[in-house]
Amino acid sequence: MSGLAFITIEDPADPRIAEFSQIRERDLTGRSGRFIAEGTVVLRMLAAAHQAAGDFRAEKILLLKNRVDGVGDILAAFPEDVPVYVADAAVIDAIAGFHLHRGVLALGERLSVAEPADLVGRLPGTSLVLVGCGISNHDNVGSLFRNAAAFSADAVLLDETSCDPLYRKALRVSVGSVLATPYARGGSAEAMLSSLADAGFSIWALSPAGATELSSIPATDRMALVVGTEGEGLPAEILSRFATARIAQSPHLDSLNVGTAAGIALYSMARAMGRIS
């Protein structure tokens, strides 16, 4: 941490930390390509992303004073020109607008935004992709990214009706995996799946009424798993156009949480492709 300068903040209205003000309310309105990373795990992932000089960089960091020593190794991974602001608990709570018990925040920026078709075009010859359609719950989006990272998916594609994975809670639930997993969001689910089909992907739509049990899906070099919103599930036009898969389960429950279902399915597909053992 020798090159880092720590700047004490005593006034919650200090303009230097304005981006951290009332973060719950600002989460709902968007940040124009910027995002809030919360907690030490996500801060570490942001540091790694910044060092990789990829799609993400850190602009500034805000810490509770008594957390500084505990995150010293993470801070050392950031360039010296990233300012680190520190504040007492009362001040940092007034800035955030609620009791910030983690005491670790960073402002990040996404430097480039890929279109789904462009991302598909850059995928390797052997690929596993997770596709989310209408995933509007931030916890579920975070879970999808965490599962994608756990089971070595090459990318996550989200349609235009899915929520932004850089939302603070989604990013936190993903344990920062959003910053490490290539993804694109936008356009219709049908357009995304068409680009995957044109690129030679075997597309499997997950549904409780799927025709093929998950363990019976044949492995191919390029595979895509499609999951839909809880309750309504995937649209009929997707289920009728592509192969469908189901997870065998007790007849006493009609479906699983989308994050849980995606995790089980990705595990099975990754094993079939020889990605995990």
C-alpha atoms as a PDB file:
ATOM      1  CA  MET A   1       0.000   0.000   0.000  1.00  0.00           C
ATOM      2  CA  SER A   2       3.053   2.262  -0.006  1.00  0.00           C
ATOM      3  CA  GLY A   3       1.948   4.262  -3.053  1.00  0.00           C
ATOM      4  CA  LEU A   4      -1.670   4.761  -2.040  1.00  0.00           C
ATOM      5  CA  ALA A   5      -2.879   8.035  -0.589  1.00  0.00           C
ATOM      6  CA  PHE A   6      -5.736   7.835   1.900  1.00  0.00           C
ATOM      7  CA  ILE A   7      -8.102  10.800   1.928  1.00  0.00           C
ATOM      8  CA  THR A   8     -10.232  11.346   5.023  1.00  0.00           C
ATOM      9  CA  ILE A   9     -13.862  12.320   4.467  1.00  0.00           C
ATOM     10  CA  GLU A  10     -15.608  14.118   7.328  1.00  0.00           C
ATOM     11  CA  ASP A  11     -18.575  15.639   5.491  1.00  0.00           C
ATOM     12  CA  PRO A  12     -21.140  13.251   3.913  1.00  0.00           C
ATOM     13  CA  ALA A  13     -21.844  15.949   1.312  1.00  0.00           C
ATOM     14  CA  ASP A  14     -18.220  16.089   0.141  1.00  0.00           C
ATOM     15  CA  PRO A  15     -18.442  16.224  -3.681  1.00  0.00           C
ATOM     16  CA  ARG A  16     -15.462  13.894  -4.064  1.00  0.00           C
ATOM     17  CA  ILE A  17     -17.569  10.953  -2.934  1.00  0.00           C
ATOM     18  CA  ALA A  18     -20.892  12.078  -4.447  1.00  0.00           C
ATOM     19  CA  GLU A  19     -21.223   8.877  -6.511  1.00  0.00           C
ATOM     20  CA  PHE A  20     -21.594   6.847  -3.306  1.00  0.00           C
ATOM     21  CA  SER A  21     -24.435   8.998  -1.967  1.00  0.00           C
ATOM     22  CA  GLN A  22     -27.797   7.260  -1.333  1.00  0.00           C
ATOM     23  CA  ILE A  23     -26.724   4.195  -3.288  1.00  0.00           C
ATOM     24  CA  ARG A  24     -29.967   2.252  -2.804  1.00  0.00           C
ATOM     25  CA  GLU A  25     -32.025   4.913  -4.579  1.00  0.00           C
ATOM     26  CA  ARG A  26     -29.438   5.438  -7.300  1.00  0.00           C
ATOM     27  CA  ASP A  27     -29.306   1.705  -7.960  1.00  0.00           C
ATOM     28  CA  LEU A  28     -32.857   1.977  -9.236  1.00  0.00           C
ATOM     29  CA  THR A  29     -32.116   4.707 -11.778  1.00  0.00           C
ATOM     30  CA  GLY A  30     -28.881   3.418 -13.301  1.00  0.00           C
ATOM     31  CA  ARG A  31     -25.400   4.902 -13.428  1.00  0.00           C
ATOM     32  CA  SER A  32     -24.615   5.193 -17.148  1.00  0.00           C
ATOM     33  CA  GLY A  33     -21.980   2.482 -17.343  1.00  0.00           C
ATOM     34  CA  ARG A  34     -20.749   2.902 -13.783  1.00  0.00           C
ATOM     35  CA  PHE A  35     -21.467   0.562 -10.898  1.00  0.00           C
ATOM     36  CA  ILE A  36     -20.939   0.116  -7.172  1.00  0.00           C
ATOM     37  CA  ALA A  37     -18.839  -2.817  -5.969  1.00  0.00           C
ATOM     38  CA  GLU A  38     -19.666  -3.702  -2.350  1.00  0.00           C
ATOM     39  CA  GLY A  39     -17.706  -5.932   0.012  1.00  0.00           C
ATOM     40  CA  THR A  40     -14.191  -7.338   0.068  1.00  0.00           C
ATOM     41  CA  VAL A  41     -14.871 -10.268  -2.277  1.00  0.00           C
ATOM     42  CA  VAL A  42     -16.231  -8.032  -5.039  1.00  0.00           C
ATOM     43  CA  LEU A  43     -13.472  -5.474  -4.438  1.00  0.00           C
ATOM     44  CA  ARG A  44     -10.891  -8.218  -4.990  1.00  0.00           C
ATOM     45  CA  MET A  45     -12.570  -9.207  -8.261  1.00  0.00           C
ATOM     46  CA  LEU A  46     -12.610  -5.565  -9.367  1.00  0.00           C
ATOM     47  CA  ALA A  47      -8.890  -5.310  -8.598  1.00  0.00           C
ATOM     48  CA  ALA A  48      -8.233  -8.397 -10.730  1.00  0.00           C
ATOM     49  CA  ALA A  49     -10.367  -7.020 -13.565  1.00  0.00           C
ATOM     50  CA  HIS A  50      -8.559  -3.685 -13.381  1.00  0.00           C
ATOM     51  CA  GLN A  51      -5.154  -5.384 -13.512  1.00  0.00           C
ATOM     52  CA  ALA A  52      -6.247  -7.433 -16.519  1.00  0.00           C
ATOM     53  CA  ALA A  53      -6.896  -4.164 -18.405  1.00  0.00           C
ATOM     54  CA  GLY A  54     -10.110  -5.607 -19.816  1.00  0.00           C
ATOM     55  CA  ASP A  55     -13.660  -4.288 -19.750  1.00  0.00           C
ATOM     56  CA  PHE A  56     -13.670  -2.893 -16.199  1.00  0.00           C
ATOM     57  CA  ARG A  57     -11.711  -0.367 -14.198  1.00  0.00           C
ATOM     58  CA  ALA A  58     -11.990   1.207 -10.758  1.00  0.00           C
ATOM     59  CA  GLU A  59     -12.436   4.959 -10.395  1.00  0.00           C
ATOM     60  CA  LYS A  60     -12.395   5.421  -6.625  1.00  0.00           C
ATOM     61  CA  ILE A  61     -12.768   3.503  -3.360  1.00  0.00           C
ATOM     62  CA  LEU A  62     -14.577   4.390  -0.124  1.00  0.00           C
ATOM     63  CA  LEU A  63     -13.749   2.522   3.087  1.00  0.00           C
ATOM     64  CA  LEU A  64     -14.722   2.463   6.708  1.00  0.00           C
ATOM     65  CA  LYS A  65     -11.586   3.472   8.606  1.00  0.00           C
ATOM     66  CA  ASN A  66     -11.385   0.251  10.574  1.00  0.00           C
ATOM     67  CA  ARG A  67     -11.500  -1.838   7.367  1.00  0.00           C
ATOM     68  CA  VAL A  68      -8.383  -0.330   5.793  1.00  0.00           C
ATOM     69  CA  ASP A  69      -5.839  -2.727   7.308  1.00  0.00           C
ATOM     70  CA  GLY A  70      -7.957  -5.764   6.497  1.00  0.00           C
ATOM     71  CA  VAL A  71      -8.076  -4.997   2.767  1.00  0.00           C
ATOM     72  CA  GLY A  72      -4.486  -3.825   2.409  1.00  0.00           C
ATOM     73  CA  ASP A  73      -3.511  -6.646   0.064  1.00  0.00           C
ATOM     74  CA  ILE A  74      -6.470  -5.868  -2.208  1.00  0.00           C
ATOM     75  CA  LEU A  75      -5.737  -2.149  -2.272  1.00  0.00           C
ATOM     76  CA  ALA A  76      -2.145  -2.867  -3.270  1.00  0.00           C
ATOM     77  CA  ALA A  77      -3.440  -4.399  -6.507  1.00  0.00           C
ATOM     78  CA  PHE A  78      -4.969  -1.111  -7.669  1.00  0.00           C
ATOM     79  CA  PRO A  79      -2.954   1.554  -9.498  1.00  0.00           C
ATOM     80  CA  GLU A  80      -1.707   4.445  -7.373  1.00  0.00           C
ATOM     81  CA  ASP A  81      -3.946   6.934  -9.186  1.00  0.00           C
ATOM     82  CA  VAL A  82      -7.136   5.293  -7.831  1.00  0.00           C
ATOM     83  CA  PRO A  83      -8.086   7.486  -4.836  1.00  0.00           C
ATOM     84  CA  VAL A  84      -9.010   5.755  -1.582  1.00  0.00           C
ATOM     85  CA  TYR A  85     -11.360   7.692   0.699  1.00  0.00           C
ATOM     86  CA  VAL A  86     -11.860   6.709   4.328  1.00  0.00           C
ATOM     87  CA  ALA A  87     -14.555   7.756   6.795  1.00  0.00           C
ATOM     88  CA  ASP A  88     -15.899   6.963  10.249  1.00  0.00           C
ATOM     89  CA  ALA A  89     -19.007   4.798  10.554  1.00  0.00           C
ATOM     90  CA  ALA A  90     -21.445   7.678  11.113  1.00  0.00           C
ATOM     91  CA  VAL A  91     -20.149   9.530   8.067  1.00  0.00           C
ATOM     92  CA  ILE A  92     -20.111   6.524   5.757  1.00  0.00           C
ATOM     93  CA  ASP A  93     -23.649   5.540   6.808  1.00  0.00           C
ATOM     94  CA  ALA A  94     -24.841   9.083   6.081  1.00  0.00           C
ATOM     95  CA  ILE A  95     -23.214   8.918   2.656  1.00  0.00           C
ATOM     96  CA  ALA A  96     -24.731   5.551   1.742  1.00  0.00           C
ATOM     97  CA  GLY A  97     -28.127   6.307   3.274  1.00  0.00           C
ATOM     98  CA  PHE A  98     -28.218   3.147   5.403  1.00  0.00           C
ATOM     99  CA  HIS A  99     -26.000   1.238   7.830  1.00  0.00           C
ATOM    100  CA  LEU A 100     -23.161  -0.019   5.676  1.00  0.00           C
ATOM    101  CA  HIS A 101     -21.933  -2.873   7.834  1.00  0.00           C
ATOM    102  CA  ARG A 102     -19.472  -4.157   5.218  1.00  0.00           C
ATOM    103  CA  GLY A 103     -17.739  -0.782   5.069  1.00  0.00           C
ATOM    104  CA  VAL A 104     -16.197  -1.430   1.629  1.00  0.00           C
ATOM    105  CA  LEU A 105     -17.364   0.324  -1.542  1.00  0.00           C
ATOM    106  CA  ALA A 106     -15.789   1.056  -4.904  1.00  0.00           C
ATOM    107  CA  LEU A 107     -16.984   2.916  -7.966  1.00  0.00           C
ATOM    108  CA  GLY A 108     -16.260   1.014 -11.159  1.00  0.00           C
ATOM    109  CA  GLU A 109     -16.795   1.618 -14.838  1.00  0.00           C
ATOM    110  CA  ARG A 110     -17.509  -0.750 -17.699  1.00  0.00           C
ATOM    111  CA  LEU A 111     -15.307   0.415 -20.546  1.00  0.00           C
ATOM    112  CA  SER A 112     -16.825  -1.522 -23.428  1.00  0.00           C
ATOM    113  CA  VAL A 113     -20.221  -3.069 -24.052  1.00  0.00           C
ATOM    114  CA  ALA A 114     -20.501  -6.049 -26.399  1.00  0.00           C
ATOM    115  CA  GLU A 115     -23.551  -6.838 -28.489  1.00  0.00           C
ATOM    116  CA  PRO A 116     -24.760 -10.439 -28.033  1.00  0.00           C
ATOM    117  CA  ALA A 117     -24.038 -11.387 -31.655  1.00  0.00           C
ATOM    118  CA  ASP A 118     -20.515  -9.931 -31.438  1.00  0.00           C
ATOM    119  CA  LEU A 119     -19.767 -11.873 -28.255  1.00  0.00           C
ATOM    120  CA  VAL A 120     -21.038 -15.092 -29.832  1.00  0.00           C
ATOM    121  CA  GLY A 121     -18.736 -14.474 -32.787  1.00  0.00           C
ATOM    122  CA  ARG A 122     -15.706 -14.308 -30.476  1.00  0.00           C
ATOM    123  CA  LEU A 123     -16.391 -17.543 -28.587  1.00  0.00           C
ATOM    124  CA  PRO A 124     -13.929 -20.442 -28.925  1.00  0.00           C
ATOM    125  CA  GLY A 125     -14.687 -23.547 -30.955  1.00  0.00           C
ATOM    126  CA  THR A 126     -15.576 -25.490 -27.823  1.00  0.00           C
ATOM    127  CA  SER A 127     -17.946 -23.374 -25.739  1.00  0.00           C
ATOM    128  CA  LEU A 128     -20.578 -23.512 -23.045  1.00  0.00           C
ATOM    129  CA  VAL A 129     -22.978 -20.562 -22.840  1.00  0.00           C
ATOM    130  CA  LEU A 130     -25.728 -19.666 -20.372  1.00  0.00           C
ATOM    131  CA  VAL A 131     -28.669 -17.664 -21.727  1.00  0.00           C
ATOM    132  CA  GLY A 132     -31.150 -15.842 -19.487  1.00  0.00           C
ATOM    133  CA  CYS A 133     -34.556 -14.702 -20.772  1.00  0.00           C
ATOM    134  CA  GLY A 134     -36.643 -12.289 -18.719  1.00  0.00           C
ATOM    135  CA  ILE A 135     -34.535 -12.654 -15.551  1.00  0.00           C
ATOM    136  CA  SER A 136     -35.735  -9.564 -13.696  1.00  0.00           C
ATOM    137  CA  ASN A 137     -34.721 -10.537 -10.150  1.00  0.00           C
ATOM    138  CA  HIS A 138     -31.280  -9.221  -9.213  1.00  0.00           C
ATOM    139  CA  ASP A 139     -30.507 -12.116  -6.862  1.00  0.00           C
ATOM    140  CA  ASN A 140     -31.256 -14.594  -9.631  1.00  0.00           C
ATOM    141  CA  VAL A 141     -29.047 -12.779 -12.126  1.00  0.00           C
ATOM    142  CA  GLY A 142     -26.219 -12.807  -9.592  1.00  0.00           C
ATOM    143  CA  SER A 143     -26.738 -16.536  -9.016  1.00  0.00           C
ATOM    144  CA  LEU A 144     -26.613 -17.234 -12.757  1.00  0.00           C
ATOM    145  CA  PHE A 145     -23.220 -15.567 -13.035  1.00  0.00           C
ATOM    146  CA  ARG A 146     -21.887 -17.372  -9.978  1.00  0.00           C
ATOM    147  CA  ASN A 147     -22.978 -20.704 -11.471  1.00  0.00           C
ATOM    148  CA  ALA A 148     -21.539 -19.792 -14.868  1.00  0.00           C
ATOM    149  CA  ALA A 149     -18.162 -19.105 -13.267  1.00  0.00           C
ATOM    150  CA  ALA A 150     -18.308 -22.245 -11.115  1.00  0.00           C
ATOM    151  CA  PHE A 151     -18.942 -24.533 -14.077  1.00  0.00           C
ATOM    152  CA  SER A 152     -16.595 -22.898 -16.588  1.00  0.00           C
ATOM    153  CA  ALA A 153     -19.147 -21.297 -18.900  1.00  0.00           C
ATOM    154  CA  ASP A 154     -17.526 -19.153 -21.569  1.00  0.00           C
ATOM    155  CA  ALA A 155     -20.204 -16.456 -21.578  1.00  0.00           C
ATOM    156  CA  VAL A 156     -23.577 -15.333 -20.273  1.00  0.00           C
ATOM    157  CA  LEU A 157     -26.148 -13.778 -22.600  1.00  0.00           C
ATOM    158  CA  LEU A 158     -29.132 -11.842 -21.237  1.00  0.00           C
ATOM    159  CA  ASP A 159     -32.040 -10.524 -23.248  1.00  0.00           C
ATOM    160  CA  GLU A 160     -33.238  -6.929 -23.057  1.00  0.00           C
ATOM    161  CA  THR A 161     -35.919  -7.777 -20.474  1.00  0.00           C
ATOM    162  CA  SER A 162     -33.364  -9.124 -17.986  1.00  0.00           C
ATOM    163  CA  CYS A 163     -31.968  -6.789 -15.344  1.00  0.00           C
ATOM    164  CA  ASP A 164     -28.497  -5.286 -15.418  1.00  0.00           C
ATOM    165  CA  PRO A 165     -25.946  -7.654 -13.821  1.00  0.00           C
ATOM    166  CA  LEU A 166     -23.953  -4.616 -12.665  1.00  0.00           C
ATOM    167  CA  TYR A 167     -26.730  -3.703 -10.257  1.00  0.00           C
ATOM    168  CA  ARG A 168     -25.074  -3.612  -6.825  1.00  0.00           C
ATOM    169  CA  LYS A 169     -26.978  -6.557  -5.353  1.00  0.00           C
ATOM    170  CA  ALA A 170     -26.593  -8.741  -8.458  1.00  0.00           C
ATOM    171  CA  LEU A 171     -22.869  -8.049  -8.456  1.00  0.00           C
ATOM    172  CA  ARG A 172     -22.620  -8.921  -4.770  1.00  0.00           C
ATOM    173  CA  VAL A 173     -24.631 -12.167  -5.101  1.00  0.00           C
ATOM    174  CA  SER A 174     -22.414 -13.175  -8.022  1.00  0.00           C
ATOM    175  CA  VAL A 175     -19.389 -12.777  -5.680  1.00  0.00           C
ATOM    176  CA  GLY A 176     -17.922 -10.556  -8.368  1.00  0.00           C
ATOM    177  CA  SER A 177     -18.224 -13.162 -11.129  1.00  0.00           C
ATOM    178  CA  VAL A 178     -19.951 -10.573 -13.326  1.00  0.00           C
ATOM    179  CA  LEU A 179     -16.547  -8.879 -13.606  1.00  0.00           C
ATOM    180  CA  ALA A 180     -14.799 -12.069 -14.733  1.00  0.00           C
ATOM    181  CA  THR A 181     -17.356 -13.751 -17.019  1.00  0.00           C
ATOM    182  CA  PRO A 182     -17.807 -12.362 -20.552  1.00  0.00           C
ATOM    183  CA  TYR A 183     -21.398 -11.264 -21.013  1.00  0.00           C
ATOM    184  CA  ALA A 184     -23.714  -9.281 -23.227  1.00  0.00           C
ATOM    185  CA  ARG A 185     -27.202  -7.960 -22.598  1.00  0.00           C
ATOM    186  CA  GLY A 186     -29.711  -6.654 -25.099  1.00  0.00           C
ATOM    187  CA  GLY A 187     -32.051  -7.491 -27.923  1.00  0.00           C
ATOM    188  CA  SER A 188     -34.648 -10.230 -27.968  1.00  0.00           C
ATOM    189  CA  ALA A 189     -34.159 -13.764 -26.728  1.00  0.00           C
ATOM    190  CA  GLU A 190     -35.061 -15.037 -30.196  1.00  0.00           C
ATOM    191  CA  ALA A 191     -32.290 -12.955 -31.807  1.00  0.00           C
ATOM    192  CA  MET A 192     -29.712 -14.186 -29.284  1.00  0.00           C
ATOM    193  CA  LEU A 193     -30.660 -17.808 -29.793  1.00  0.00           C
ATOM    194  CA  SER A 194     -30.640 -17.413 -33.567  1.00  0.00           C
ATOM    195  CA  SER A 195     -27.025 -16.148 -33.417  1.00  0.00           C
ATOM    196  CA  LEU A 196     -26.094 -19.151 -31.280  1.00  0.00           C
ATOM    197  CA  ALA A 197     -27.859 -21.571 -33.645  1.00  0.00           C
ATOM    198  CA  ASP A 198     -26.128 -20.007 -36.645  1.00  0.00           C
ATOM    199  CA  ALA A 199     -22.791 -20.442 -34.821  1.00  0.00           C
ATOM    200  CA  GLY A 200     -23.382 -24.194 -34.458  1.00  0.00           C
ATOM    201  CA  PHE A 201     -24.554 -24.350 -30.838  1.00  0.00           C
ATOM    202  CA  SER A 202     -26.774 -27.146 -29.560  1.00  0.00           C
ATOM    203  CA  ILE A 203     -29.440 -25.168 -27.712  1.00  0.00           C
ATOM    204  CA  TRP A 204     -31.264 -26.669 -24.736  1.00  0.00           C
ATOM    205  CA  ALA A 205     -34.199 -24.837 -23.184  1.00  0.00           C
ATOM    206  CA  LEU A 206     -34.723 -25.797 -19.534  1.00  0.00           C
ATOM    207  CA  SER A 207     -38.316 -26.458 -18.489  1.00  0.00           C
ATOM    208  CA  PRO A 208     -40.089 -28.695 -15.930  1.00  0.00           C
ATOM    209  CA  ALA A 209     -41.934 -30.187 -18.917  1.00  0.00           C
ATOM    210  CA  GLY A 210     -38.783 -30.678 -21.013  1.00  0.00           C
ATOM    211  CA  ALA A 211     -38.695 -33.681 -23.338  1.00  0.00           C
ATOM    212  CA  THR A 212     -35.185 -34.888 -22.411  1.00  0.00           C
ATOM    213  CA  GLU A 213     -33.944 -35.599 -18.899  1.00  0.00           C
ATOM    214  CA  LEU A 214     -30.840 -33.564 -18.182  1.00  0.00           C
ATOM    215  CA  SER A 215     -28.458 -36.503 -17.813  1.00  0.00           C
ATOM    216  CA  SER A 216     -29.439 -37.759 -21.271  1.00  0.00           C
ATOM    217  CA  ILE A 217     -28.345 -34.630 -23.140  1.00  0.00           C
ATOM    218  CA  PRO A 218     -25.581 -35.633 -25.593  1.00  0.00           C
ATOM    219  CA  ALA A 219     -22.376 -33.594 -25.335  1.00  0.00           C
ATOM    220  CA  THR A 220     -21.351 -31.451 -28.310  1.00  0.00           C
ATOM    221  CA  ASP A 221     -18.500 -28.998 -28.799  1.00  0.00           C
ATOM    222  CA  ARG A 222     -20.799 -25.995 -28.518  1.00  0.00           C
ATOM    223  CA  MET A 223     -23.672 -26.061 -26.041  1.00  0.00           C
ATOM    224  CA  ALA A 224     -26.079 -23.395 -24.785  1.00  0.00           C
ATOM    225  CA  LEU A 225     -28.410 -23.644 -21.796  1.00  0.00           C
ATOM    226  CA  VAL A 226     -31.472 -21.379 -21.840  1.00  0.00           C
ATOM    227  CA  VAL A 227     -33.349 -20.472 -18.648  1.00  0.00           C
ATOM    228  CA  GLY A 228     -36.387 -18.274 -18.144  1.00  0.00           C
ATOM    229  CA  THR A 229     -38.032 -16.266 -15.423  1.00  0.00           C
ATOM    230  CA  GLU A 230     -39.560 -18.001 -12.434  1.00  0.00           C
ATOM    231  CA  GLY A 231     -43.284 -18.571 -12.633  1.00  0.00           C
ATOM    232  CA  GLU A 232     -43.905 -18.090 -16.355  1.00  0.00           C
ATOM    233  CA  GLY A 233     -40.745 -19.844 -17.501  1.00  0.00           C
ATOM    234  CA  LEU A 234     -39.585 -19.654 -21.106  1.00  0.00           C
ATOM    235  CA  PRO A 235     -41.902 -18.385 -23.867  1.00  0.00           C
ATOM    236  CA  ALA A 236     -43.770 -21.011 -25.884  1.00  0.00           C
ATOM    237  CA  GLU A 237     -42.039 -19.967 -29.110  1.00  0.00           C
ATOM    238  CA  ILE A 238     -38.635 -20.836 -27.627  1.00  0.00           C
ATOM    239  CA  LEU A 239     -39.834 -24.137 -26.175  1.00  0.00           C
ATOM    240  CA  SER A 240     -41.331 -25.132 -29.528  1.00  0.00           C
ATOM    241  CA  ARG A 241     -38.290 -24.129 -31.594  1.00  0.00           C
ATOM    242  CA  PHE A 242     -35.451 -25.654 -29.579  1.00  0.00           C
ATOM    243  CA  ALA A 243     -34.732 -28.914 -27.784  1.00  0.00           C
ATOM    244  CA  THR A 244     -36.069 -28.947 -24.228  1.00  0.00           C
ATOM    245  CA  ALA A 245     -34.581 -30.469 -21.104  1.00  0.00           C
ATOM    246  CA  ARG A 246     -35.895 -31.177 -17.620  1.00  0.00           C
ATOM    247  CA  ILE A 247     -34.363 -31.931 -14.223  1.00  0.00           C
ATOM    248  CA  ALA A 248     -35.796 -35.085 -12.651  1.00  0.00           C
ATOM    249  CA  GLN A 249     -37.281 -34.175  -9.272  1.00  0.00           C
ATOM    250  CA  SER A 250     -39.989 -35.009  -6.770  1.00  0.00           C
ATOM    251  CA  PRO A 251     -43.544 -34.758  -8.133  1.00  0.00           C
ATOM    252  CA  HIS A 252     -44.504 -32.799  -5.004  1.00  0.00           C
ATOM    253  CA  LEU A 253     -42.800 -29.626  -6.311  1.00  0.00           C
ATOM    254  CA  ASP A 254     -43.367 -28.255  -9.790  1.00  0.00           C
ATOM    255  CA  SER A 255     -40.120 -26.333 -10.294  1.00  0.00           C
ATOM    256  CA  LEU A 256     -36.832 -25.093  -8.848  1.00  0.00           C
ATOM    257  CA  ASN A 257     -35.470 -21.609  -8.322  1.00  0.00           C
ATOM    258  CA  VAL A 258     -33.897 -20.524 -11.616  1.00  0.00           C
ATOM    259  CA  GLY A 259     -30.475 -20.102 -10.001  1.00  0.00           C
ATOM    260  CA  THR A 260     -30.591 -23.606  -8.523  1.00  0.00           C
ATOM    261  CA  ALA A 261     -31.881 -25.151 -11.753  1.00  0.00           C
ATOM    262  CA  ALA A 262     -29.220 -23.404 -13.839  1.00  0.00           C
ATOM    263  CA  GLY A 263     -26.505 -24.591 -11.464  1.00  0.00           C
ATOM    264  CA  ILE A 264     -27.618 -28.232 -11.693  1.00  0.00           C
ATOM    265  CA  ALA A 265     -27.921 -28.063 -15.475  1.00  0.00           C
ATOM    266  CA  LEU A 266     -24.580 -26.329 -16.007  1.00  0.00           C
ATOM    267  CA  TYR A 267     -22.894 -28.906 -13.774  1.00  0.00           C
ATOM    268  CA  SER A 268     -24.326 -31.734 -15.861  1.00  0.00           C
ATOM    269  CA  MET A 269     -23.419 -30.117 -19.176  1.00  0.00           C
ATOM    270  CA  ALA A 270     -19.925 -29.145 -18.043  1.00  0.00           C
ATOM    271  CA  ARG A 271     -19.283 -32.732 -16.929  1.00  0.00           C
ATOM    272  CA  ALA A 272     -20.569 -34.097 -20.208  1.00  0.00           C
ATOM    273  CA  MET A 273     -18.194 -31.770 -22.066  1.00  0.00           C
ATOM    274  CA  GLY A 274     -15.277 -32.857 -19.863  1.00  0.00           C
ATOM    275  CA  ARG A 275     -14.836 -29.410 -18.308  1.00  0.00           C
ATOM    276  CA  ILE A 276     -15.051 -30.632 -14.721  1.00  0.00           C
ATOM    277  CA  SER A 277     -14.461 -34.002 -13.101  1.00  0.00           C
END
